[in-house]
Amino acid sequence: QVQLVESGGGLVQAGGSLRLSCTASGRTFVTYAWFRQAPGKEREFVTSIRWSGPTTYYADSVKGRFTVSRDNKNTVYLQMNSLKSEDTAVYYCAASLWSIDSYYSLDGYDYWGQGTQVTVSS
């Protein structure tokens, strides 16, 4: 059974940090990404990483504050620093079996996690 399981969300004050984890099982993926969805808004791209590269991409809104990384097994991390109230959202891990060009698009990913809530208080 293929699963992506996120963890690490929570409540943090503005300026604080959180680290999210995404652990995959059941398949070997080539590309991972984090997306987020705030209340009343569409799901948006945050960052992606290619397992073999590791090539990374970031949305402009998180550059310099968020860092995506992976371990040597099956977990991808999202280190979030200098958090702002506008970072409040449900964060989703996504994975693709392929090295995709449209890393920023929801359609590029085959599997999704259940999401983890991140709330930044101002």
PDB file of N, CA and C in Angstrom:
ATOM      1  N   GLN A   1       0.846  -1.195   0.000  1.00  0.00           N
ATOM      2  CA  GLN A   1       0.000   0.000   0.000  1.00  0.00           C
ATOM      3  C   GLN A   1       0.878   1.239   0.000  1.00  0.00           C
ATOM      4  N   VAL A   2       0.590   2.141  -0.925  1.00  0.00           N
ATOM      5  CA  VAL A   2       1.365   3.375  -1.031  1.00  0.00           C
ATOM      6  C   VAL A   2       0.814   4.402  -0.052  1.00  0.00           C
ATOM      7  N   GLN A   3       1.710   4.984   0.705  1.00  0.00           N
ATOM      8  CA  GLN A   3       1.297   6.008   1.659  1.00  0.00           C
ATOM      9  C   GLN A   3       2.317   7.111   1.765  1.00  0.00           C
ATOM     10  N   LEU A   4       1.817   8.314   1.951  1.00  0.00           N
ATOM     11  CA  LEU A   4       2.639   9.452   2.333  1.00  0.00           C
ATOM     12  C   LEU A   4       2.064   9.951   3.638  1.00  0.00           C
ATOM     13  N   VAL A   5       2.884   9.989   4.670  1.00  0.00           N
ATOM     14  CA  VAL A   5       2.404  10.383   5.986  1.00  0.00           C
ATOM     15  C   VAL A   5       3.174  11.602   6.452  1.00  0.00           C
ATOM     16  N   GLU A   6       2.444  12.691   6.651  1.00  0.00           N
ATOM     17  CA  GLU A   6       3.063  13.931   7.118  1.00  0.00           C
ATOM     18  C   GLU A   6       2.975  14.016   8.639  1.00  0.00           C
ATOM     19  N   SER A   7       3.905  14.742   9.199  1.00  0.00           N
ATOM     20  CA  SER A   7       3.875  15.037  10.628  1.00  0.00           C
ATOM     21  C   SER A   7       4.644  16.323  10.877  1.00  0.00           C
ATOM     22  N   GLY A   8       4.473  16.886  12.079  1.00  0.00           N
ATOM     23  CA  GLY A   8       5.257  18.043  12.473  1.00  0.00           C
ATOM     24  C   GLY A   8       4.521  19.361  12.482  1.00  0.00           C
ATOM     25  N   GLY A   9       3.285  19.379  12.055  1.00  0.00           N
ATOM     26  CA  GLY A   9       2.531  20.624  12.080  1.00  0.00           C
ATOM     27  C   GLY A   9       2.199  21.043  13.496  1.00  0.00           C
ATOM     28  N   GLY A  10       1.663  22.248  13.626  1.00  0.00           N
ATOM     29  CA  GLY A  10       1.289  22.735  14.947  1.00  0.00           C
ATOM     30  C   GLY A  10       1.079  24.227  14.964  1.00  0.00           C
ATOM     31  N   LEU A  11       1.041  24.765  16.177  1.00  0.00           N
ATOM     32  CA  LEU A  11       0.846  26.195  16.395  1.00  0.00           C
ATOM     33  C   LEU A  11       2.170  26.822  16.793  1.00  0.00           C
ATOM     34  N   VAL A  12       2.516  27.916  16.144  1.00  0.00           N
ATOM     35  CA  VAL A  12       3.773  28.595  16.435  1.00  0.00           C
ATOM     36  C   VAL A  12       3.561  30.096  16.310  1.00  0.00           C
ATOM     37  N   GLN A  13       4.331  30.852  17.061  1.00  0.00           N
ATOM     38  CA  GLN A  13       4.249  32.306  16.961  1.00  0.00           C
ATOM     39  C   GLN A  13       4.984  32.790  15.723  1.00  0.00           C
ATOM     40  N   ALA A  14       4.572  33.946  15.244  1.00  0.00           N
ATOM     41  CA  ALA A  14       5.252  34.562  14.110  1.00  0.00           C
ATOM     42  C   ALA A  14       6.738  34.730  14.437  1.00  0.00           C
ATOM     43  N   GLY A  15       7.574  34.407  13.451  1.00  0.00           N
ATOM     44  CA  GLY A  15       9.011  34.456  13.654  1.00  0.00           C
ATOM     45  C   GLY A  15       9.607  33.134  14.096  1.00  0.00           C
ATOM     46  N   GLY A  16       8.762  32.206  14.465  1.00  0.00           N
ATOM     47  CA  GLY A  16       9.218  30.911  14.934  1.00  0.00           C
ATOM     48  C   GLY A  16       9.484  29.941  13.804  1.00  0.00           C
ATOM     49  N   SER A  17       9.762  28.692  14.186  1.00  0.00           N
ATOM     50  CA  SER A  17      10.129  27.657  13.226  1.00  0.00           C
ATOM     51  C   SER A  17       9.355  26.375  13.480  1.00  0.00           C
ATOM     52  N   LEU A  18       9.175  25.621  12.418  1.00  0.00           N
ATOM     53  CA  LEU A  18       8.615  24.280  12.486  1.00  0.00           C
ATOM     54  C   LEU A  18       9.316  23.429  11.441  1.00  0.00           C
ATOM     55  N   ARG A  19       9.367  22.123  11.696  1.00  0.00           N
ATOM     56  CA  ARG A  19       9.862  21.199  10.692  1.00  0.00           C
ATOM     57  C   ARG A  19       8.805  20.133  10.427  1.00  0.00           C
ATOM     58  N   LEU A  20       8.426  20.035   9.170  1.00  0.00           N
ATOM     59  CA  LEU A  20       7.486  19.014   8.733  1.00  0.00           C
ATOM     60  C   LEU A  20       8.245  17.827   8.161  1.00  0.00           C
ATOM     61  N   SER A  21       7.658  16.652   8.327  1.00  0.00           N
ATOM     62  CA  SER A  21       8.230  15.434   7.765  1.00  0.00           C
ATOM     63  C   SER A  21       7.198  14.741   6.893  1.00  0.00           C
ATOM     64  N   CYS A  22       7.679  14.067   5.872  1.00  0.00           N
ATOM     65  CA  CYS A  22       6.822  13.276   4.998  1.00  0.00           C
ATOM     66  C   CYS A  22       7.530  11.941   4.762  1.00  0.00           C
ATOM     67  N   THR A  23       6.933  10.878   5.234  1.00  0.00           N
ATOM     68  CA  THR A  23       7.524   9.549   5.088  1.00  0.00           C
ATOM     69  C   THR A  23       6.725   8.741   4.096  1.00  0.00           C
ATOM     70  N   ALA A  24       7.425   8.221   3.097  1.00  0.00           N
ATOM     71  CA  ALA A  24       6.780   7.450   2.037  1.00  0.00           C
ATOM     72  C   ALA A  24       6.953   5.962   2.273  1.00  0.00           C
ATOM     73  N   SER A  25       5.956   5.216   1.828  1.00  0.00           N
ATOM     74  CA  SER A  25       6.042   3.755   1.886  1.00  0.00           C
ATOM     75  C   SER A  25       5.308   3.166   0.712  1.00  0.00           C
ATOM     76  N   GLY A  26       5.743   2.004   0.286  1.00  0.00           N
ATOM     77  CA  GLY A  26       5.046   1.281  -0.760  1.00  0.00           C
ATOM     78  C   GLY A  26       5.578   1.494  -2.168  1.00  0.00           C
ATOM     79  N   ARG A  27       6.226   2.602  -2.441  1.00  0.00           N
ATOM     80  CA  ARG A  27       6.795   2.867  -3.764  1.00  0.00           C
ATOM     81  C   ARG A  27       8.055   3.701  -3.610  1.00  0.00           C
ATOM     82  N   THR A  28       8.846   3.706  -4.674  1.00  0.00           N
ATOM     83  CA  THR A  28      10.010   4.588  -4.745  1.00  0.00           C
ATOM     84  C   THR A  28       9.651   5.758  -5.645  1.00  0.00           C
ATOM     85  N   PHE A  29       9.731   6.954  -5.107  1.00  0.00           N
ATOM     86  CA  PHE A  29       9.346   8.147  -5.838  1.00  0.00           C
ATOM     87  C   PHE A  29      10.573   8.915  -6.323  1.00  0.00           C
ATOM     88  N   VAL A  30      10.386   9.663  -7.398  1.00  0.00           N
ATOM     89  CA  VAL A  30      11.478  10.438  -7.983  1.00  0.00           C
ATOM     90  C   VAL A  30      11.422  11.896  -7.532  1.00  0.00           C
ATOM     91  N   THR A  31      10.225  12.440  -7.497  1.00  0.00           N
ATOM     92  CA  THR A  31      10.044  13.846  -7.158  1.00  0.00           C
ATOM     93  C   THR A  31       9.059  13.973  -6.004  1.00  0.00           C
ATOM     94  N   TYR A  32       9.428  14.806  -5.043  1.00  0.00           N
ATOM     95  CA  TYR A  32       8.545  15.130  -3.916  1.00  0.00           C
ATOM     96  C   TYR A  32       8.270  16.630  -3.927  1.00  0.00           C
ATOM     97  N   ALA A  33       7.139  16.987  -3.332  1.00  0.00           N
ATOM     98  CA  ALA A  33       6.813  18.408  -3.220  1.00  0.00           C
ATOM     99  C   ALA A  33       5.992  18.644  -1.965  1.00  0.00           C
ATOM    100  N   TRP A  34       5.999  19.893  -1.577  1.00  0.00           N
ATOM    101  CA  TRP A  34       5.086  20.367  -0.535  1.00  0.00           C
ATOM    102  C   TRP A  34       4.183  21.418  -1.168  1.00  0.00           C
ATOM    103  N   PHE A  35       2.906  21.277  -0.918  1.00  0.00           N
ATOM    104  CA  PHE A  35       1.911  22.270  -1.285  1.00  0.00           C
ATOM    105  C   PHE A  35       1.218  22.712  -0.002  1.00  0.00           C
ATOM    106  N   ARG A  36       0.491  23.821  -0.101  1.00  0.00           N
ATOM    107  CA  ARG A  36      -0.277  24.253   1.056  1.00  0.00           C
ATOM    108  C   ARG A  36      -1.592  24.850   0.604  1.00  0.00           C
ATOM    109  N   GLN A  37      -2.558  24.804   1.507  1.00  0.00           N
ATOM    110  CA  GLN A  37      -3.874  25.349   1.201  1.00  0.00           C
ATOM    111  C   GLN A  37      -4.405  26.085   2.418  1.00  0.00           C
ATOM    112  N   ALA A  38      -4.560  27.388   2.247  1.00  0.00           N
ATOM    113  CA  ALA A  38      -5.127  28.219   3.300  1.00  0.00           C
ATOM    114  C   ALA A  38      -6.648  28.236   3.156  1.00  0.00           C
ATOM    115  N   PRO A  39      -7.355  28.557   4.215  1.00  0.00           N
ATOM    116  CA  PRO A  39      -8.823  28.591   4.148  1.00  0.00           C
ATOM    117  C   PRO A  39      -9.324  29.521   3.055  1.00  0.00           C
ATOM    118  N   GLY A  40     -10.207  29.018   2.223  1.00  0.00           N
ATOM    119  CA  GLY A  40     -10.784  29.823   1.164  1.00  0.00           C
ATOM    120  C   GLY A  40      -9.895  30.060  -0.041  1.00  0.00           C
ATOM    121  N   LYS A  41      -8.730  29.421  -0.051  1.00  0.00           N
ATOM    122  CA  LYS A  41      -7.791  29.622  -1.161  1.00  0.00           C
ATOM    123  C   LYS A  41      -7.499  28.295  -1.852  1.00  0.00           C
ATOM    124  N   GLU A  42      -6.934  28.391  -3.050  1.00  0.00           N
ATOM    125  CA  GLU A  42      -6.547  27.200  -3.777  1.00  0.00           C
ATOM    126  C   GLU A  42      -5.244  26.640  -3.211  1.00  0.00           C
ATOM    127  N   ARG A  43      -5.065  25.363  -3.434  1.00  0.00           N
ATOM    128  CA  ARG A  43      -3.809  24.733  -3.033  1.00  0.00           C
ATOM    129  C   ARG A  43      -2.679  25.288  -3.881  1.00  0.00           C
ATOM    130  N   GLU A  44      -1.567  25.649  -3.233  1.00  0.00           N
ATOM    131  CA  GLU A  44      -0.463  26.274  -3.956  1.00  0.00           C
ATOM    132  C   GLU A  44       0.850  25.559  -3.704  1.00  0.00           C
ATOM    133  N   PHE A  45       1.711  25.670  -4.684  1.00  0.00           N
ATOM    134  CA  PHE A  45       3.040  25.070  -4.620  1.00  0.00           C
ATOM    135  C   PHE A  45       3.906  25.798  -3.598  1.00  0.00           C
ATOM    136  N   VAL A  46       4.677  25.019  -2.831  1.00  0.00           N
ATOM    137  CA  VAL A  46       5.623  25.590  -1.876  1.00  0.00           C
ATOM    138  C   VAL A  46       7.059  25.273  -2.289  1.00  0.00           C
ATOM    139  N   THR A  47       7.351  23.994  -2.471  1.00  0.00           N
ATOM    140  CA  THR A  47       8.715  23.582  -2.806  1.00  0.00           C
ATOM    141  C   THR A  47       8.704  22.163  -3.348  1.00  0.00           C
ATOM    142  N   SER A  48       9.754  21.814  -4.096  1.00  0.00           N
ATOM    143  CA  SER A  48       9.890  20.444  -4.561  1.00  0.00           C
ATOM    144  C   SER A  48      11.354  20.033  -4.528  1.00  0.00           C
ATOM    145  N   ILE A  49      11.568  18.732  -4.511  1.00  0.00           N
ATOM    146  CA  ILE A  49      12.915  18.180  -4.480  1.00  0.00           C
ATOM    147  C   ILE A  49      12.930  16.892  -5.285  1.00  0.00           C
ATOM    148  N   ARG A  50      14.013  16.705  -6.049  1.00  0.00           N
ATOM    149  CA  ARG A  50      14.203  15.449  -6.765  1.00  0.00           C
ATOM    150  C   ARG A  50      15.120  14.560  -5.941  1.00  0.00           C
ATOM    151  N   TRP A  51      14.701  13.348  -5.735  1.00  0.00           N
ATOM    152  CA  TRP A  51      15.406  12.466  -4.833  1.00  0.00           C
ATOM    153  C   TRP A  51      16.852  12.251  -5.242  1.00  0.00           C
ATOM    154  N   SER A  52      17.108  12.154  -6.547  1.00  0.00           N
ATOM    155  CA  SER A  52      18.444  11.805  -7.013  1.00  0.00           C
ATOM    156  C   SER A  52      19.366  12.993  -7.128  1.00  0.00           C
ATOM    157  N   GLY A  53      18.829  14.212  -7.173  1.00  0.00           N
ATOM    158  CA  GLY A  53      19.608  15.401  -7.459  1.00  0.00           C
ATOM    159  C   GLY A  53      20.545  15.805  -6.368  1.00  0.00           C
ATOM    160  N   PRO A  54      20.089  16.381  -5.340  1.00  0.00           N
ATOM    161  CA  PRO A  54      18.700  16.790  -5.195  1.00  0.00           C
ATOM    162  C   PRO A  54      18.458  18.208  -5.704  1.00  0.00           C
ATOM    163  N   THR A  55      17.765  18.301  -6.806  1.00  0.00           N
ATOM    164  CA  THR A  55      17.369  19.600  -7.349  1.00  0.00           C
ATOM    165  C   THR A  55      16.166  20.096  -6.567  1.00  0.00           C
ATOM    166  N   THR A  56      16.207  21.362  -6.182  1.00  0.00           N
ATOM    167  CA  THR A  56      15.108  21.929  -5.409  1.00  0.00           C
ATOM    168  C   THR A  56      14.552  23.180  -6.077  1.00  0.00           C
ATOM    169  N   TYR A  57      13.279  23.424  -5.838  1.00  0.00           N
ATOM    170  CA  TYR A  57      12.597  24.625  -6.319  1.00  0.00           C
ATOM    171  C   TYR A  57      11.748  25.176  -5.179  1.00  0.00           C
ATOM    172  N   TYR A  58      11.592  26.497  -5.179  1.00  0.00           N
ATOM    173  CA  TYR A  58      10.806  27.145  -4.135  1.00  0.00           C
ATOM    174  C   TYR A  58       9.871  28.191  -4.729  1.00  0.00           C
ATOM    175  N   ALA A  59       8.723  28.332  -4.101  1.00  0.00           N
ATOM    176  CA  ALA A  59       7.863  29.467  -4.416  1.00  0.00           C
ATOM    177  C   ALA A  59       8.537  30.742  -3.912  1.00  0.00           C
ATOM    178  N   ASP A  60       8.309  31.844  -4.606  1.00  0.00           N
ATOM    179  CA  ASP A  60       8.948  33.102  -4.214  1.00  0.00           C
ATOM    180  C   ASP A  60       8.584  33.492  -2.785  1.00  0.00           C
ATOM    181  N   SER A  61       7.391  33.144  -2.371  1.00  0.00           N
ATOM    182  CA  SER A  61       6.909  33.563  -1.056  1.00  0.00           C
ATOM    183  C   SER A  61       7.653  32.896   0.105  1.00  0.00           C
ATOM    184  N   VAL A  62       8.372  31.799  -0.179  1.00  0.00           N
ATOM    185  CA  VAL A  62       9.059  31.091   0.902  1.00  0.00           C
ATOM    186  C   VAL A  62      10.575  31.057   0.727  1.00  0.00           C
ATOM    187  N   LYS A  63      11.079  31.563  -0.385  1.00  0.00           N
ATOM    188  CA  LYS A  63      12.531  31.550  -0.624  1.00  0.00           C
ATOM    189  C   LYS A  63      13.267  32.262   0.488  1.00  0.00           C
ATOM    190  N   GLY A  64      14.334  31.625   0.955  1.00  0.00           N
ATOM    191  CA  GLY A  64      15.137  32.206   2.014  1.00  0.00           C
ATOM    192  C   GLY A  64      14.629  31.895   3.407  1.00  0.00           C
ATOM    193  N   ARG A  65      13.414  31.339   3.496  1.00  0.00           N
ATOM    194  CA  ARG A  65      12.842  31.012   4.816  1.00  0.00           C
ATOM    195  C   ARG A  65      12.606  29.515   4.981  1.00  0.00           C
ATOM    196  N   PHE A  66      12.241  28.851   3.899  1.00  0.00           N
ATOM    197  CA  PHE A  66      11.940  27.418   3.944  1.00  0.00           C
ATOM    198  C   PHE A  66      13.065  26.652   3.243  1.00  0.00           C
ATOM    199  N   THR A  67      13.319  25.452   3.749  1.00  0.00           N
ATOM    200  CA  THR A  67      14.319  24.585   3.136  1.00  0.00           C
ATOM    201  C   THR A  67      13.772  23.167   3.064  1.00  0.00           C
ATOM    202  N   VAL A  68      13.836  22.578   1.887  1.00  0.00           N
ATOM    203  CA  VAL A  68      13.412  21.196   1.698  1.00  0.00           C
ATOM    204  C   VAL A  68      14.657  20.311   1.654  1.00  0.00           C
ATOM    205  N   SER A  69      14.552  19.139   2.244  1.00  0.00           N
ATOM    206  CA  SER A  69      15.672  18.207   2.258  1.00  0.00           C
ATOM    207  C   SER A  69      15.131  16.785   2.362  1.00  0.00           C
ATOM    208  N   ARG A  70      16.023  15.829   2.291  1.00  0.00           N
ATOM    209  CA  ARG A  70      15.623  14.426   2.407  1.00  0.00           C
ATOM    210  C   ARG A  70      16.686  13.669   3.176  1.00  0.00           C
ATOM    211  N   ASP A  71      16.274  12.524   3.711  1.00  0.00           N
ATOM    212  CA  ASP A  71      17.271  11.662   4.336  1.00  0.00           C
ATOM    213  C   ASP A  71      17.687  10.594   3.323  1.00  0.00           C
ATOM    214  N   ASN A  72      18.388   9.602   3.772  1.00  0.00           N
ATOM    215  CA  ASN A  72      18.873   8.565   2.865  1.00  0.00           C
ATOM    216  C   ASN A  72      17.917   7.380   2.749  1.00  0.00           C
ATOM    217  N   LYS A  73      16.763   7.506   3.354  1.00  0.00           N
ATOM    218  CA  LYS A  73      15.807   6.412   3.309  1.00  0.00           C
ATOM    219  C   LYS A  73      14.567   6.826   2.547  1.00  0.00           C
ATOM    220  N   ASN A  74      13.554   7.303   3.229  1.00  0.00           N
ATOM    221  CA  ASN A  74      12.284   7.577   2.555  1.00  0.00           C
ATOM    222  C   ASN A  74      11.537   8.761   3.148  1.00  0.00           C
ATOM    223  N   THR A  75      12.252   9.705   3.708  1.00  0.00           N
ATOM    224  CA  THR A  75      11.609  10.845   4.349  1.00  0.00           C
ATOM    225  C   THR A  75      12.102  12.162   3.764  1.00  0.00           C
ATOM    226  N   VAL A  76      11.155  13.039   3.519  1.00  0.00           N
ATOM    227  CA  VAL A  76      11.436  14.381   3.045  1.00  0.00           C
ATOM    228  C   VAL A  76      11.031  15.357   4.148  1.00  0.00           C
ATOM    229  N   TYR A  77      11.820  16.403   4.304  1.00  0.00           N
ATOM    230  CA  TYR A  77      11.580  17.368   5.361  1.00  0.00           C
ATOM    231  C   TYR A  77      11.313  18.759   4.782  1.00  0.00           C
ATOM    232  N   LEU A  78      10.570  19.546   5.528  1.00  0.00           N
ATOM    233  CA  LEU A  78      10.387  20.956   5.199  1.00  0.00           C
ATOM    234  C   LEU A  78      10.683  21.756   6.454  1.00  0.00           C
ATOM    235  N   GLN A  79      11.835  22.405   6.461  1.00  0.00           N
ATOM    236  CA  GLN A  79      12.214  23.279   7.563  1.00  0.00           C
ATOM    237  C   GLN A  79      11.671  24.666   7.275  1.00  0.00           C
ATOM    238  N   MET A  80      10.850  25.157   8.171  1.00  0.00           N
ATOM    239  CA  MET A  80      10.205  26.455   7.971  1.00  0.00           C
ATOM    240  C   MET A  80      10.670  27.403   9.071  1.00  0.00           C
ATOM    241  N   ASN A  81      11.371  28.445   8.680  1.00  0.00           N
ATOM    242  CA  ASN A  81      11.879  29.453   9.604  1.00  0.00           C
ATOM    243  C   ASN A  81      11.213  30.797   9.330  1.00  0.00           C
ATOM    244  N   SER A  82      11.342  31.692  10.288  1.00  0.00           N
ATOM    245  CA  SER A  82      10.787  33.047  10.143  1.00  0.00           C
ATOM    246  C   SER A  82       9.337  32.997   9.676  1.00  0.00           C
ATOM    247  N   LEU A  83       8.559  32.179  10.321  1.00  0.00           N
ATOM    248  CA  LEU A  83       7.180  31.980   9.897  1.00  0.00           C
ATOM    249  C   LEU A  83       6.351  33.243  10.059  1.00  0.00           C
ATOM    250  N   LYS A  84       5.425  33.405   9.123  1.00  0.00           N
ATOM    251  CA  LYS A  84       4.539  34.558   9.101  1.00  0.00           C
ATOM    252  C   LYS A  84       3.091  34.070   9.203  1.00  0.00           C
ATOM    253  N   SER A  85       2.205  34.964   9.543  1.00  0.00           N
ATOM    254  CA  SER A  85       0.791  34.586   9.670  1.00  0.00           C
ATOM    255  C   SER A  85       0.257  34.072   8.341  1.00  0.00           C
ATOM    256  N   GLU A  86       0.788  34.607   7.245  1.00  0.00           N
ATOM    257  CA  GLU A  86       0.307  34.176   5.929  1.00  0.00           C
ATOM    258  C   GLU A  86       0.792  32.784   5.550  1.00  0.00           C
ATOM    259  N   ASP A  87       1.639  32.183   6.361  1.00  0.00           N
ATOM    260  CA  ASP A  87       2.052  30.799   6.134  1.00  0.00           C
ATOM    261  C   ASP A  87       1.045  29.810   6.717  1.00  0.00           C
ATOM    262  N   THR A  88       0.066  30.314   7.445  1.00  0.00           N
ATOM    263  CA  THR A  88      -0.957  29.448   8.018  1.00  0.00           C
ATOM    264  C   THR A  88      -1.718  28.722   6.917  1.00  0.00           C
ATOM    265  N   ALA A  89      -1.743  27.394   7.012  1.00  0.00           N
ATOM    266  CA  ALA A  89      -2.380  26.575   5.975  1.00  0.00           C
ATOM    267  C   ALA A  89      -2.280  25.111   6.377  1.00  0.00           C
ATOM    268  N   VAL A  90      -2.984  24.281   5.629  1.00  0.00           N
ATOM    269  CA  VAL A  90      -2.740  22.846   5.697  1.00  0.00           C
ATOM    270  C   VAL A  90      -1.651  22.539   4.681  1.00  0.00           C
ATOM    271  N   TYR A  91      -0.624  21.871   5.117  1.00  0.00           N
ATOM    272  CA  TYR A  91       0.506  21.542   4.263  1.00  0.00           C
ATOM    273  C   TYR A  91       0.400  20.078   3.837  1.00  0.00           C
ATOM    274  N   TYR A  92       0.556  19.869   2.524  1.00  0.00           N
ATOM    275  CA  TYR A  92       0.428  18.542   1.945  1.00  0.00           C
ATOM    276  C   TYR A  92       1.740  18.112   1.303  1.00  0.00           C
ATOM    277  N   CYS A  93       2.099  16.888   1.537  1.00  0.00           N
ATOM    278  CA  CYS A  93       3.211  16.269   0.842  1.00  0.00           C
ATOM    279  C   CYS A  93       2.670  15.585  -0.408  1.00  0.00           C
ATOM    280  N   ALA A  94       3.405  15.689  -1.503  1.00  0.00           N
ATOM    281  CA  ALA A  94       3.018  15.044  -2.753  1.00  0.00           C
ATOM    282  C   ALA A  94       4.227  14.350  -3.345  1.00  0.00           C
ATOM    283  N   ALA A  95       3.983  13.298  -4.117  1.00  0.00           N
ATOM    284  CA  ALA A  95       5.090  12.548  -4.701  1.00  0.00           C
ATOM    285  C   ALA A  95       4.746  12.090  -6.108  1.00  0.00           C
ATOM    286  N   SER A  96       5.766  12.072  -6.952  1.00  0.00           N
ATOM    287  CA  SER A  96       5.614  11.615  -8.323  1.00  0.00           C
ATOM    288  C   SER A  96       6.582  10.471  -8.596  1.00  0.00           C
ATOM    289  N   LEU A  97       6.150   9.563  -9.454  1.00  0.00           N
ATOM    290  CA  LEU A  97       7.015   8.454  -9.862  1.00  0.00           C
ATOM    291  C   LEU A  97       8.022   8.898 -10.916  1.00  0.00           C
ATOM    292  N   TRP A  98       7.899  10.137 -11.396  1.00  0.00           N
ATOM    293  CA  TRP A  98       8.701  10.628 -12.507  1.00  0.00           C
ATOM    294  C   TRP A  98       9.454  11.902 -12.158  1.00  0.00           C
ATOM    295  N   SER A  99      10.445  12.212 -12.980  1.00  0.00           N
ATOM    296  CA  SER A  99      11.129  13.494 -12.906  1.00  0.00           C
ATOM    297  C   SER A  99      10.336  14.453 -13.778  1.00  0.00           C
ATOM    298  N   ILE A 100       9.535  15.288 -13.165  1.00  0.00           N
ATOM    299  CA  ILE A 100       8.578  16.097 -13.905  1.00  0.00           C
ATOM    300  C   ILE A 100       9.075  17.526 -14.093  1.00  0.00           C
ATOM    301  N   ASP A 101       8.714  18.107 -15.232  1.00  0.00           N
ATOM    302  CA  ASP A 101       9.037  19.511 -15.486  1.00  0.00           C
ATOM    303  C   ASP A 101       8.066  20.435 -14.756  1.00  0.00           C
ATOM    304  N   SER A 102       6.812  20.015 -14.690  1.00  0.00           N
ATOM    305  CA  SER A 102       5.790  20.853 -14.059  1.00  0.00           C
ATOM    306  C   SER A 102       5.732  20.585 -12.569  1.00  0.00           C
ATOM    307  N   TYR A 103       6.873  20.784 -11.905  1.00  0.00           N
ATOM    308  CA  TYR A 103       6.983  20.470 -10.493  1.00  0.00           C
ATOM    309  C   TYR A 103       6.052  21.328  -9.633  1.00  0.00           C
ATOM    310  N   TYR A 104       5.593  22.468 -10.175  1.00  0.00           N
ATOM    311  CA  TYR A 104       4.771  23.424  -9.451  1.00  0.00           C
ATOM    312  C   TYR A 104       3.282  23.121  -9.585  1.00  0.00           C
ATOM    313  N   SER A 105       2.948  22.147 -10.424  1.00  0.00           N
ATOM    314  CA  SER A 105       1.548  21.852 -10.731  1.00  0.00           C
ATOM    315  C   SER A 105       1.037  20.669  -9.925  1.00  0.00           C
ATOM    316  N   LEU A 106      -0.178  20.796  -9.410  1.00  0.00           N
ATOM    317  CA  LEU A 106      -0.799  19.693  -8.674  1.00  0.00           C
ATOM    318  C   LEU A 106      -0.925  18.459  -9.559  1.00  0.00           C
ATOM    319  N   ASP A 107      -1.153  18.667 -10.833  1.00  0.00           N
ATOM    320  CA  ASP A 107      -1.389  17.552 -11.748  1.00  0.00           C
ATOM    321  C   ASP A 107      -0.158  16.674 -11.948  1.00  0.00           C
ATOM    322  N   GLY A 108       1.013  17.175 -11.564  1.00  0.00           N
ATOM    323  CA  GLY A 108       2.226  16.405 -11.780  1.00  0.00           C
ATOM    324  C   GLY A 108       2.458  15.293 -10.777  1.00  0.00           C
ATOM    325  N   TYR A 109       1.637  15.228  -9.758  1.00  0.00           N
ATOM    326  CA  TYR A 109       1.905  14.318  -8.645  1.00  0.00           C
ATOM    327  C   TYR A 109       0.873  13.203  -8.566  1.00  0.00           C
ATOM    328  N   ASP A 110       1.397  12.003  -8.259  1.00  0.00           N
ATOM    329  CA  ASP A 110       0.568  10.812  -8.282  1.00  0.00           C
ATOM    330  C   ASP A 110      -0.046  10.486  -6.925  1.00  0.00           C
ATOM    331  N   TYR A 111       0.639  10.879  -5.875  1.00  0.00           N
ATOM    332  CA  TYR A 111       0.183  10.517  -4.533  1.00  0.00           C
ATOM    333  C   TYR A 111       0.271  11.729  -3.617  1.00  0.00           C
ATOM    334  N   TRP A 112      -0.659  11.750  -2.661  1.00  0.00           N
ATOM    335  CA  TRP A 112      -0.746  12.868  -1.722  1.00  0.00           C
ATOM    336  C   TRP A 112      -0.889  12.340  -0.297  1.00  0.00           C
ATOM    337  N   GLY A 113      -0.332  13.104   0.622  1.00  0.00           N
ATOM    338  CA  GLY A 113      -0.555  12.816   2.028  1.00  0.00           C
ATOM    339  C   GLY A 113      -1.865  13.413   2.504  1.00  0.00           C
ATOM    340  N   GLN A 114      -2.159  13.194   3.772  1.00  0.00           N
ATOM    341  CA  GLN A 114      -3.446  13.634   4.316  1.00  0.00           C
ATOM    342  C   GLN A 114      -3.421  15.099   4.752  1.00  0.00           C
ATOM    343  N   GLY A 115      -2.244  15.670   4.839  1.00  0.00           N
ATOM    344  CA  GLY A 115      -2.123  17.073   5.230  1.00  0.00           C
ATOM    345  C   GLY A 115      -1.857  17.242   6.715  1.00  0.00           C
ATOM    346  N   THR A 116      -1.139  18.305   7.037  1.00  0.00           N
ATOM    347  CA  THR A 116      -0.871  18.648   8.436  1.00  0.00           C
ATOM    348  C   THR A 116      -1.062  20.154   8.605  1.00  0.00           C
ATOM    349  N   GLN A 117      -1.734  20.527   9.670  1.00  0.00           N
ATOM    350  CA  GLN A 117      -2.080  21.942   9.881  1.00  0.00           C
ATOM    351  C   GLN A 117      -0.900  22.705  10.470  1.00  0.00           C
ATOM    352  N   VAL A 118      -0.614  23.844   9.877  1.00  0.00           N
ATOM    353  CA  VAL A 118       0.367  24.781  10.421  1.00  0.00           C
ATOM    354  C   VAL A 118      -0.361  26.089  10.684  1.00  0.00           C
ATOM    355  N   THR A 119      -0.310  26.543  11.925  1.00  0.00           N
ATOM    356  CA  THR A 119      -0.958  27.788  12.305  1.00  0.00           C
ATOM    357  C   THR A 119       0.072  28.715  12.914  1.00  0.00           C
ATOM    358  N   VAL A 120       0.194  29.912  12.324  1.00  0.00           N
ATOM    359  CA  VAL A 120       1.155  30.896  12.801  1.00  0.00           C
ATOM    360  C   VAL A 120       0.376  32.048  13.408  1.00  0.00           C
ATOM    361  N   SER A 121       0.593  32.282  14.681  1.00  0.00           N
ATOM    362  CA  SER A 121      -0.117  33.352  15.369  1.00  0.00           C
ATOM    363  C   SER A 121       0.714  34.632  15.354  1.00  0.00           C
ATOM    364  N   SER A 122       0.032  35.730  15.153  1.00  0.00           N
ATOM    365  CA  SER A 122       0.752  37.015  15.058  1.00  0.00           C
ATOM    366  C   SER A 122       0.722  37.757  16.388  1.00  0.00           C
TER     367      SER A 122
END
